[in-house]
C-alpha atoms as a PDB file:
ATOM      1  CA  MET A   1     -20.201  12.371 -10.692  1.00  0.00           C
ATOM      2  CA  GLY A   2     -16.831  11.404  -9.166  1.00  0.00           C
ATOM      3  CA  LYS A   3     -16.292   8.966  -6.339  1.00  0.00           C
ATOM      4  CA  ILE A   4     -16.874  10.227  -2.792  1.00  0.00           C
ATOM      5  CA  LYS A   5     -13.685  10.982  -0.902  1.00  0.00           C
ATOM      6  CA  TYR A   6     -13.229  11.257   2.839  1.00  0.00           C
ATOM      7  CA  TYR A   7     -11.026  13.912   4.375  1.00  0.00           C
ATOM      8  CA  VAL A   8      -9.093  13.524   7.616  1.00  0.00           C
ATOM      9  CA  VAL A   9      -8.201  16.719   9.456  1.00  0.00           C
ATOM     10  CA  TRP A  10      -5.544  16.077  12.112  1.00  0.00           C
ATOM     11  CA  LYS A  11      -4.682  19.723  12.721  1.00  0.00           C
ATOM     12  CA  GLY A  12      -7.338  22.326  11.975  1.00  0.00           C
ATOM     13  CA  LYS A  13     -10.138  24.307  13.568  1.00  0.00           C
ATOM     14  CA  LYS A  14     -11.924  21.061  14.416  1.00  0.00           C
ATOM     15  CA  PRO A  15     -10.004  17.785  13.805  1.00  0.00           C
ATOM     16  CA  GLY A  16     -12.113  14.931  12.476  1.00  0.00           C
ATOM     17  CA  ILE A  17     -13.305  13.111   9.361  1.00  0.00           C
ATOM     18  CA  TYR A  18     -15.299  14.930   6.696  1.00  0.00           C
ATOM     19  CA  ASP A  19     -17.103  13.598   3.621  1.00  0.00           C
ATOM     20  CA  SER A  20     -16.631  16.618   1.355  1.00  0.00           C
ATOM     21  CA  TRP A  21     -13.827  18.955   0.400  1.00  0.00           C
ATOM     22  CA  GLU A  22     -16.012  21.954   1.271  1.00  0.00           C
ATOM     23  CA  ALA A  23     -16.420  20.757   4.852  1.00  0.00           C
ATOM     24  CA  CYS A  24     -12.719  19.969   5.118  1.00  0.00           C
ATOM     25  CA  ARG A  25     -11.709  23.343   3.709  1.00  0.00           C
ATOM     26  CA  GLU A  26     -13.731  25.140   6.380  1.00  0.00           C
ATOM     27  CA  GLN A  27     -11.543  23.453   9.010  1.00  0.00           C
ATOM     28  CA  VAL A  28      -8.139  24.109   7.426  1.00  0.00           C
ATOM     29  CA  GLU A  29      -8.461  27.364   5.505  1.00  0.00           C
ATOM     30  CA  GLY A  30      -6.565  30.076   7.337  1.00  0.00           C
ATOM     31  CA  PHE A  31      -5.364  27.655  10.021  1.00  0.00           C
ATOM     32  CA  GLN A  32      -1.578  27.843  10.398  1.00  0.00           C
ATOM     33  CA  GLY A  33       0.079  24.423  10.167  1.00  0.00           C
ATOM     34  CA  ALA A  34      -3.116  22.678   9.074  1.00  0.00           C
ATOM     35  CA  ARG A  35      -2.664  18.968   8.409  1.00  0.00           C
ATOM     36  CA  TYR A  36      -5.149  16.991   6.347  1.00  0.00           C
ATOM     37  CA  LYS A  37      -5.404  14.312   3.673  1.00  0.00           C
ATOM     38  CA  SER A  38      -8.051  12.649   1.485  1.00  0.00           C
ATOM     39  CA  PHE A  39      -8.811   8.905   1.466  1.00  0.00           C
ATOM     40  CA  PRO A  40     -10.893   6.773  -0.933  1.00  0.00           C
ATOM     41  CA  THR A  41     -12.928   4.984   1.753  1.00  0.00           C
ATOM     42  CA  ARG A  42     -14.331   5.904   5.159  1.00  0.00           C
ATOM     43  CA  GLU A  43     -12.741   2.815   6.713  1.00  0.00           C
ATOM     44  CA  LEU A  44      -9.280   3.930   5.615  1.00  0.00           C
ATOM     45  CA  ALA A  45      -9.940   7.479   6.807  1.00  0.00           C
ATOM     46  CA  VAL A  46     -11.024   6.233  10.235  1.00  0.00           C
ATOM     47  CA  SER A  47      -7.951   4.013  10.516  1.00  0.00           C
ATOM     48  CA  ALA A  48      -5.586   6.805   9.437  1.00  0.00           C
ATOM     49  CA  PHE A  49      -7.194   9.331  11.785  1.00  0.00           C
ATOM     50  CA  SER A  50      -7.016   7.059  14.820  1.00  0.00           C
ATOM     51  CA  GLN A  51      -3.421   5.986  14.112  1.00  0.00           C
ATOM     52  CA  ASP A  52      -2.115   9.499  13.600  1.00  0.00           C
ATOM     53  CA  VAL A  53      -3.988  10.850  16.614  1.00  0.00           C
ATOM     54  CA  ARG A  54      -2.148   8.269  18.720  1.00  0.00           C
ATOM     55  CA  LEU A  55       1.140   9.493  17.241  1.00  0.00           C
ATOM     56  CA  PHE A  56       0.482  13.111  18.240  1.00  0.00           C
ATOM     57  CA  PHE A  57      -0.497  12.175  21.788  1.00  0.00           C
ATOM     58  CA  THR A  58       2.111   9.459  22.405  1.00  0.00           C
ATOM     59  CA  PRO A  59       4.413  10.435  25.319  1.00  0.00           C
ATOM     60  CA  PRO A  60       7.991  11.178  24.170  1.00  0.00           C
ATOM     61  CA  GLU A  61       9.390   8.230  26.122  1.00  0.00           C
ATOM     62  CA  ASP A  62       7.246   5.741  24.151  1.00  0.00           C
ATOM     63  CA  PRO A  63       9.683   4.218  21.569  1.00  0.00           C
ATOM     64  CA  THR A  64       6.967   2.768  19.325  1.00  0.00           C
ATOM     65  CA  PRO A  65       4.774   5.487  17.760  1.00  0.00           C
ATOM     66  CA  SER A  66       2.182   4.177  15.322  1.00  0.00           C
ATOM     67  CA  LEU A  67       3.548   6.035  12.294  1.00  0.00           C
ATOM     68  CA  SER A  68       7.111   6.451  11.055  1.00  0.00           C
ATOM     69  CA  VAL A  69       8.465   9.681   9.579  1.00  0.00           C
ATOM     70  CA  LEU A  70       8.726   9.299   5.819  1.00  0.00           C
ATOM     71  CA  PRO A  71      11.767  10.576   3.903  1.00  0.00           C
ATOM     72  CA  PRO A  72      10.960  13.734   1.911  1.00  0.00           C
ATOM     73  CA  GLU A  73      11.634  11.930  -1.395  1.00  0.00           C
ATOM     74  CA  VAL A  74       8.812   9.442  -0.769  1.00  0.00           C
ATOM     75  CA  ASN A  75       5.415  10.260  -2.230  1.00  0.00           C
ATOM     76  CA  ARG A  76       3.000  10.055   0.703  1.00  0.00           C
ATOM     77  CA  ASP A  77       0.056   9.587  -1.664  1.00  0.00           C
ATOM     78  CA  SER A  78       1.070   6.057  -2.625  1.00  0.00           C
ATOM     79  CA  ILE A  79       0.726   2.372  -1.793  1.00  0.00           C
ATOM     80  CA  CYS A  80       3.558   0.204  -0.506  1.00  0.00           C
ATOM     81  CA  VAL A  81       3.498  -3.576  -0.972  1.00  0.00           C
ATOM     82  CA  ASP A  82       5.439  -6.485   0.446  1.00  0.00           C
ATOM     83  CA  ALA A  83       5.375 -10.275   0.681  1.00  0.00           C
ATOM     84  CA  ALA A  84       6.451 -12.747   3.351  1.00  0.00           C
ATOM     85  CA  CYS A  85       7.315 -16.385   2.723  1.00  0.00           C
ATOM     86  CA  LYS A  86       8.079 -18.955   5.418  1.00  0.00           C
ATOM     87  CA  GLY A  87      10.555 -21.067   3.468  1.00  0.00           C
ATOM     88  CA  ASN A  88      11.356 -20.775  -0.223  1.00  0.00           C
ATOM     89  CA  PRO A  89       9.133 -22.181  -1.477  1.00  0.00           C
ATOM     90  CA  GLY A  90       6.882 -21.991   1.541  1.00  0.00           C
ATOM     91  CA  VAL A  91       3.759 -20.472   3.061  1.00  0.00           C
ATOM     92  CA  LEU A  92       3.198 -17.130   1.340  1.00  0.00           C
ATOM     93  CA  GLU A  93       1.340 -13.920   2.187  1.00  0.00           C
ATOM     94  CA  TYR A  94       1.319 -10.473   0.629  1.00  0.00           C
ATOM     95  CA  ARG A  95      -0.229  -7.128   1.478  1.00  0.00           C
ATOM     96  CA  GLY A  96      -0.498  -3.462   0.552  1.00  0.00           C
ATOM     97  CA  VAL A  97      -0.645  -0.470   2.890  1.00  0.00           C
ATOM     98  CA  ASP A  98      -1.246   3.243   2.617  1.00  0.00           C
ATOM     99  CA  THR A  99       2.275   4.678   2.695  1.00  0.00           C
ATOM    100  CA  PHE A 100       1.377   7.705   4.801  1.00  0.00           C
ATOM    101  CA  SER A 101      -0.848   6.157   7.481  1.00  0.00           C
ATOM    102  CA  GLY A 102       0.359   2.554   7.407  1.00  0.00           C
ATOM    103  CA  ALA A 103      -3.269   1.404   7.232  1.00  0.00           C
ATOM    104  CA  GLU A 104      -3.603  -1.993   5.560  1.00  0.00           C
ATOM    105  CA  LEU A 105      -5.548  -1.835   2.293  1.00  0.00           C
ATOM    106  CA  PHE A 106      -5.462  -5.509   1.378  1.00  0.00           C
ATOM    107  CA  ARG A 107      -3.897  -8.799   2.442  1.00  0.00           C
ATOM    108  CA  GLN A 108      -3.910 -12.159   0.661  1.00  0.00           C
ATOM    109  CA  GLY A 109      -2.891 -15.591   1.923  1.00  0.00           C
ATOM    110  CA  PRO A 110      -1.607 -17.666   3.442  1.00  0.00           C
ATOM    111  CA  PHE A 111      -0.972 -19.770   0.344  1.00  0.00           C
ATOM    112  CA  PRO A 112       0.558 -23.196   1.088  1.00  0.00           C
ATOM    113  CA  GLU A 113       3.374 -23.081  -1.461  1.00  0.00           C
ATOM    114  CA  GLY A 114       4.792 -19.976  -3.064  1.00  0.00           C
ATOM    115  CA  THR A 115       7.868 -17.765  -3.299  1.00  0.00           C
ATOM    116  CA  THR A 116       8.624 -14.224  -2.222  1.00  0.00           C
ATOM    117  CA  ASN A 117       8.998 -13.057  -5.827  1.00  0.00           C
ATOM    118  CA  ILE A 118       5.551 -14.404  -6.712  1.00  0.00           C
ATOM    119  CA  GLY A 119       4.047 -12.664  -3.698  1.00  0.00           C
ATOM    120  CA  GLU A 120       5.768  -9.373  -4.480  1.00  0.00           C
ATOM    121  CA  PHE A 121       4.556  -9.515  -8.086  1.00  0.00           C
ATOM    122  CA  LEU A 122       0.956 -10.290  -7.123  1.00  0.00           C
ATOM    123  CA  ALA A 123       1.030  -7.540  -4.508  1.00  0.00           C
ATOM    124  CA  ILE A 124       2.078  -4.946  -7.093  1.00  0.00           C
ATOM    125  CA  VAL A 125      -0.627  -5.965  -9.557  1.00  0.00           C
ATOM    126  CA  HIS A 126      -3.218  -6.081  -6.766  1.00  0.00           C
ATOM    127  CA  ALA A 127      -2.263  -2.520  -5.808  1.00  0.00           C
ATOM    128  CA  LEU A 128      -2.434  -1.341  -9.419  1.00  0.00           C
ATOM    129  CA  ALA A 129      -5.890  -2.861  -9.853  1.00  0.00           C
ATOM    130  CA  TYR A 130      -7.023  -1.328  -6.548  1.00  0.00           C
ATOM    131  CA  LEU A 131      -5.851   2.122  -7.630  1.00  0.00           C
ATOM    132  CA  LYS A 132      -7.564   1.802 -11.007  1.00  0.00           C
ATOM    133  CA  GLN A 133     -10.820   0.805  -9.301  1.00  0.00           C
ATOM    134  CA  GLN A 134     -10.555   3.763  -6.912  1.00  0.00           C
ATOM    135  CA  GLU A 135      -9.569   6.135  -9.759  1.00  0.00           C
ATOM    136  CA  LEU A 136      -6.426   7.238  -7.928  1.00  0.00           C
ATOM    137  CA  ALA A 137      -3.207   8.315  -9.652  1.00  0.00           C
ATOM    138  CA  PHE A 138      -0.932   7.131  -6.819  1.00  0.00           C
ATOM    139  CA  PRO A 139       2.335   5.282  -7.494  1.00  0.00           C
ATOM    140  CA  VAL A 140       3.110   1.846  -6.033  1.00  0.00           C
ATOM    141  CA  TYR A 141       6.333   1.177  -4.115  1.00  0.00           C
ATOM    142  CA  SER A 142       7.981  -2.248  -3.991  1.00  0.00           C
ATOM    143  CA  ASP A 143      11.418  -3.261  -2.717  1.00  0.00           C
ATOM    144  CA  SER A 144      11.642  -6.170  -5.189  1.00  0.00           C
ATOM    145  CA  LEU A 145      13.575  -5.506  -8.405  1.00  0.00           C
ATOM    146  CA  THR A 146      12.529  -8.926  -9.719  1.00  0.00           C
ATOM    147  CA  ALA A 147       8.822  -8.286  -9.226  1.00  0.00           C
ATOM    148  CA  ILE A 148       9.076  -4.815 -10.751  1.00  0.00           C
ATOM    149  CA  LYS A 149      10.805  -6.342 -13.785  1.00  0.00           C
ATOM    150  CA  TRP A 150       8.068  -8.976 -14.142  1.00  0.00           C
ATOM    151  CA  VAL A 151       5.460  -6.221 -14.078  1.00  0.00           C
ATOM    152  CA  LYS A 152       7.353  -4.211 -16.689  1.00  0.00           C
ATOM    153  CA  THR A 153       7.781  -7.188 -19.038  1.00  0.00           C
ATOM    154  CA  ARG A 154       4.382  -8.706 -18.144  1.00  0.00           C
ATOM    155  CA  ASP A 155       6.182 -12.029 -17.843  1.00  0.00           C
ATOM    156  CA  VAL A 156       6.537 -14.165 -14.701  1.00  0.00           C
ATOM    157  CA  ARG A 157       9.868 -16.017 -14.744  1.00  0.00           C
ATOM    158  CA  THR A 158       9.432 -18.224 -11.705  1.00  0.00           C
ATOM    159  CA  LYS A 159      11.244 -21.550 -11.364  1.00  0.00           C
ATOM    160  CA  LEU A 160       8.538 -22.875  -9.051  1.00  0.00           C
ATOM    161  CA  PRO A 161       6.672 -25.753 -10.749  1.00  0.00           C
ATOM    162  CA  GLU A 162       2.885 -25.706 -10.676  1.00  0.00           C
ATOM    163  CA  ASN A 163       1.282 -28.471  -8.642  1.00  0.00           C
ATOM    164  CA  ASP A 164      -1.848 -29.327  -6.670  1.00  0.00           C
ATOM    165  CA  LYS A 165      -0.757 -27.265  -3.668  1.00  0.00           C
ATOM    166  CA  ASN A 166      -0.104 -24.005  -5.524  1.00  0.00           C
ATOM    167  CA  GLY A 167      -2.656 -24.257  -8.332  1.00  0.00           C
ATOM    168  CA  LYS A 168      -4.675 -21.311  -6.955  1.00  0.00           C
ATOM    169  CA  LEU A 169      -1.545 -19.178  -6.833  1.00  0.00           C
ATOM    170  CA  PHE A 170      -0.716 -19.935 -10.464  1.00  0.00           C
ATOM    171  CA  ASP A 171      -4.287 -19.079 -11.464  1.00  0.00           C
ATOM    172  CA  MET A 172      -3.763 -15.712  -9.771  1.00  0.00           C
ATOM    173  CA  LEU A 173      -0.506 -15.237 -11.677  1.00  0.00           C
ATOM    174  CA  ARG A 174      -2.239 -15.872 -14.987  1.00  0.00           C
ATOM    175  CA  ARG A 175      -5.000 -13.409 -14.113  1.00  0.00           C
ATOM    176  CA  ALA A 176      -2.411 -10.835 -13.036  1.00  0.00           C
ATOM    177  CA  VAL A 177      -0.510 -11.103 -16.321  1.00  0.00           C
ATOM    178  CA  LYS A 178      -3.801 -10.837 -18.222  1.00  0.00           C
ATOM    179  CA  TRP A 179      -4.681  -7.695 -16.265  1.00  0.00           C
ATOM    180  CA  LEU A 180      -1.299  -6.135 -17.068  1.00  0.00           C
ATOM    181  CA  ASN A 181      -1.733  -6.865 -20.764  1.00  0.00           C
ATOM    182  CA  GLU A 182      -5.166  -5.242 -20.692  1.00  0.00           C
ATOM    183  CA  ASN A 183      -4.053  -2.225 -18.631  1.00  0.00           C
ATOM    184  CA  ARG A 184      -0.712  -1.146 -20.020  1.00  0.00           C
ATOM    185  CA  ASP A 185      -1.285   2.477 -18.959  1.00  0.00           C
ATOM    186  CA  HIS A 186      -1.296   1.538 -15.272  1.00  0.00           C
ATOM    187  CA  ASN A 187       0.064   3.680 -12.435  1.00  0.00           C
ATOM    188  CA  PRO A 188       3.844   4.029 -11.942  1.00  0.00           C
ATOM    189  CA  VAL A 189       5.676   1.284 -10.049  1.00  0.00           C
ATOM    190  CA  CYS A 190       8.671   2.607  -8.091  1.00  0.00           C
ATOM    191  CA  LYS A 191      11.579   0.930  -6.343  1.00  0.00           C
ATOM    192  CA  TRP A 192      11.637   1.436  -2.581  1.00  0.00           C
ATOM    193  CA  ASP A 193      15.201   2.353  -1.591  1.00  0.00           C
ATOM    194  CA  THR A 194      15.634   0.217   1.527  1.00  0.00           C
ATOM    195  CA  ARG A 195      19.279   1.218   2.009  1.00  0.00           C
ATOM    196  CA  ARG A 196      18.402   4.911   2.284  1.00  0.00           C
ATOM    197  CA  TRP A 197      14.822   4.825   3.605  1.00  0.00           C
ATOM    198  CA  GLY A 198      14.726   1.757   5.828  1.00  0.00           C
ATOM    199  CA  GLU A 199      12.224  -1.086   5.596  1.00  0.00           C
ATOM    200  CA  ILE A 200       9.220  -0.530   3.364  1.00  0.00           C
ATOM    201  CA  PRO A 201       6.075   0.389   5.378  1.00  0.00           C
ATOM    202  CA  ALA A 202       4.320  -2.789   4.175  1.00  0.00           C
ATOM    203  CA  ASP A 203       7.074  -4.994   5.646  1.00  0.00           C
ATOM    204  CA  PHE A 204       5.746  -7.943   7.665  1.00  0.00           C
ATOM    205  CA  GLY A 205       8.561  -7.562  10.199  1.00  0.00           C
ATOM    206  CA  ARG A 206       9.468 -11.263  10.158  1.00  0.00           C
ATOM    207  CA  LYS A 207      13.132 -11.047   9.173  1.00  0.00           C
END
């Protein structure tokens, strides 16, 4: 038996969250302009439903809707990742979000001493492991060419020396490389085109 999925219906006969495709289909079948999407967890479905509902009912003069319009080339069924580092090296965080809804799927840190490239790499591998666990064939978007290269070669080329402050981070790097070596058939990792598409949805907004 496959994993349970949760279905959000934003536009249909009765908008809401449904725990089976049959129930979702009843709401969207024959409904012109129906809008719906499946999610791996109820928490993510609830977050996506509430965020997108706010978008539809936000007054036009409000300049900050909760969701951005994605370029048509971007796969909505995907995860976007990003890292933020205060200093280089410095205090590091990384996270992954659902590309379509912007809902945060995971966040790690702060780590006392790291680099942006390390965070970007760990974020990609975290997303790949998450997708494997959820049995989802989604791609992962990252705006870091360096991190994507490290994933492809399964080799972390950081110049940051390991020490007492970042020992946990280096343990995570070793586990990430081990995971990549054991899961070479992982989901696709794609470059987010910041120049054409704007900031990646997982961006921390601290630039």
